[in-house]
Amino acid sequence: MLDVSRLHAIPILLEGERGYAFTRADDLRKEIQGRGLSALLMSNPCNPTGKLVQGDELARWVATARELDCTL
C-alpha cells in the first residue's frame, strides 16, 4: 500500500520504560508537528502490544489530528 501511494514510512519509536505506550494526545501532537506529518497510518489494536485505542482516548487522537490537519 505504501509503494502504491508513494508514502514514506517513518516509524515512531516507543520506550520500554513506558510499556511501549503511545497513548497521550501530546505524544501524537509532538510526532505530527515535530516531523511535519500530513498523514498517519496506525494499527488498532496496536502491533505488537495488542493495546486497543478506543473511547475518549481515540476521540482525543482524532481531535488532535483534525486540529493539525493530519489524516489519521
Protein backbone atom coordinates (compact mmCIF):
# COMPACT_ATOMS: atom_id res chain seq x y z
CA MET A 1 0.00 0.00 0.00
CA LEU A 2 2.82 2.40 0.84
CA ASP A 3 4.52 1.77 -2.50
CA VAL A 4 1.35 2.46 -4.48
CA SER A 5 0.54 5.67 -2.60
CA ARG A 6 4.15 6.89 -2.61
CA LEU A 7 4.04 7.42 1.15
CA HIS A 8 7.21 7.02 3.17
CA ALA A 9 7.11 5.01 6.37
CA ILE A 10 8.56 6.79 9.39
CA PRO A 11 8.39 4.51 12.44
CA ILE A 12 7.55 6.04 15.80
CA LEU A 13 9.89 4.52 18.35
CA LEU A 14 8.34 3.65 21.70
CA GLU A 15 10.07 3.30 25.05
CA GLY A 16 10.02 0.12 27.11
CA GLU A 17 10.01 2.17 30.31
CA ARG A 18 6.54 3.43 29.34
CA GLY A 19 5.31 -0.03 28.48
CA TYR A 20 5.65 0.82 24.78
CA ALA A 21 2.60 3.05 25.25
CA PHE A 22 1.69 5.79 22.84
CA THR A 23 -1.45 6.99 24.47
CA ARG A 24 -1.26 10.68 25.14
CA ALA A 25 -2.59 13.19 22.64
CA ASP A 26 0.55 15.21 23.47
CA ASP A 27 2.68 12.34 22.13
CA LEU A 28 0.68 12.40 18.91
CA ARG A 29 0.93 16.20 18.64
CA LYS A 30 4.71 16.01 19.15
CA GLU A 31 5.13 13.46 16.36
CA ILE A 32 2.89 15.31 13.88
CA GLN A 33 4.40 18.73 14.48
CA GLY A 34 7.98 17.59 15.06
CA ARG A 35 8.14 15.57 11.86
CA GLY A 36 5.84 17.75 9.76
CA LEU A 37 3.47 14.85 9.10
CA SER A 38 0.35 15.23 6.99
CA ALA A 39 -0.90 11.65 7.45
CA LEU A 40 -0.55 8.79 9.92
CA LEU A 41 -1.19 5.11 9.25
CA MET A 42 -1.68 3.34 12.56
CA SER A 43 -2.79 -0.14 13.52
CA ASN A 44 -5.54 -0.53 16.10
CA PRO A 45 -5.17 -2.74 18.04
CA CYS A 46 -1.54 -1.69 18.18
CA ASN A 47 1.08 -4.09 16.93
CA PRO A 48 2.78 -5.93 18.64
CA THR A 49 1.31 -5.00 22.06
CA GLY A 50 -2.34 -5.61 21.17
CA LYS A 51 -3.35 -2.43 23.01
CA LEU A 52 -6.67 -1.13 21.77
CA VAL A 53 -7.22 2.62 21.33
CA GLN A 54 -10.88 3.43 21.92
CA GLY A 55 -13.36 5.75 23.60
CA ASP A 56 -12.11 9.06 24.98
CA GLU A 57 -8.51 8.26 24.10
CA LEU A 58 -9.37 7.68 20.44
CA ALA A 59 -11.54 10.82 20.42
CA ARG A 60 -8.52 12.85 21.67
CA TRP A 61 -6.35 11.39 18.90
CA VAL A 62 -8.94 12.27 16.27
CA ALA A 63 -9.37 15.81 17.65
CA THR A 64 -5.60 16.35 17.67
CA ALA A 65 -5.22 15.10 14.09
CA ARG A 66 -8.10 17.31 12.92
CA GLU A 67 -6.69 20.35 14.69
CA LEU A 68 -3.33 19.82 12.99
CA ASP A 69 -4.88 18.97 9.59
CA CYS A 70 -3.33 15.49 9.61
CA THR A 71 -5.09 12.49 8.12
CA LEU A 72 -5.33 9.71 10.69
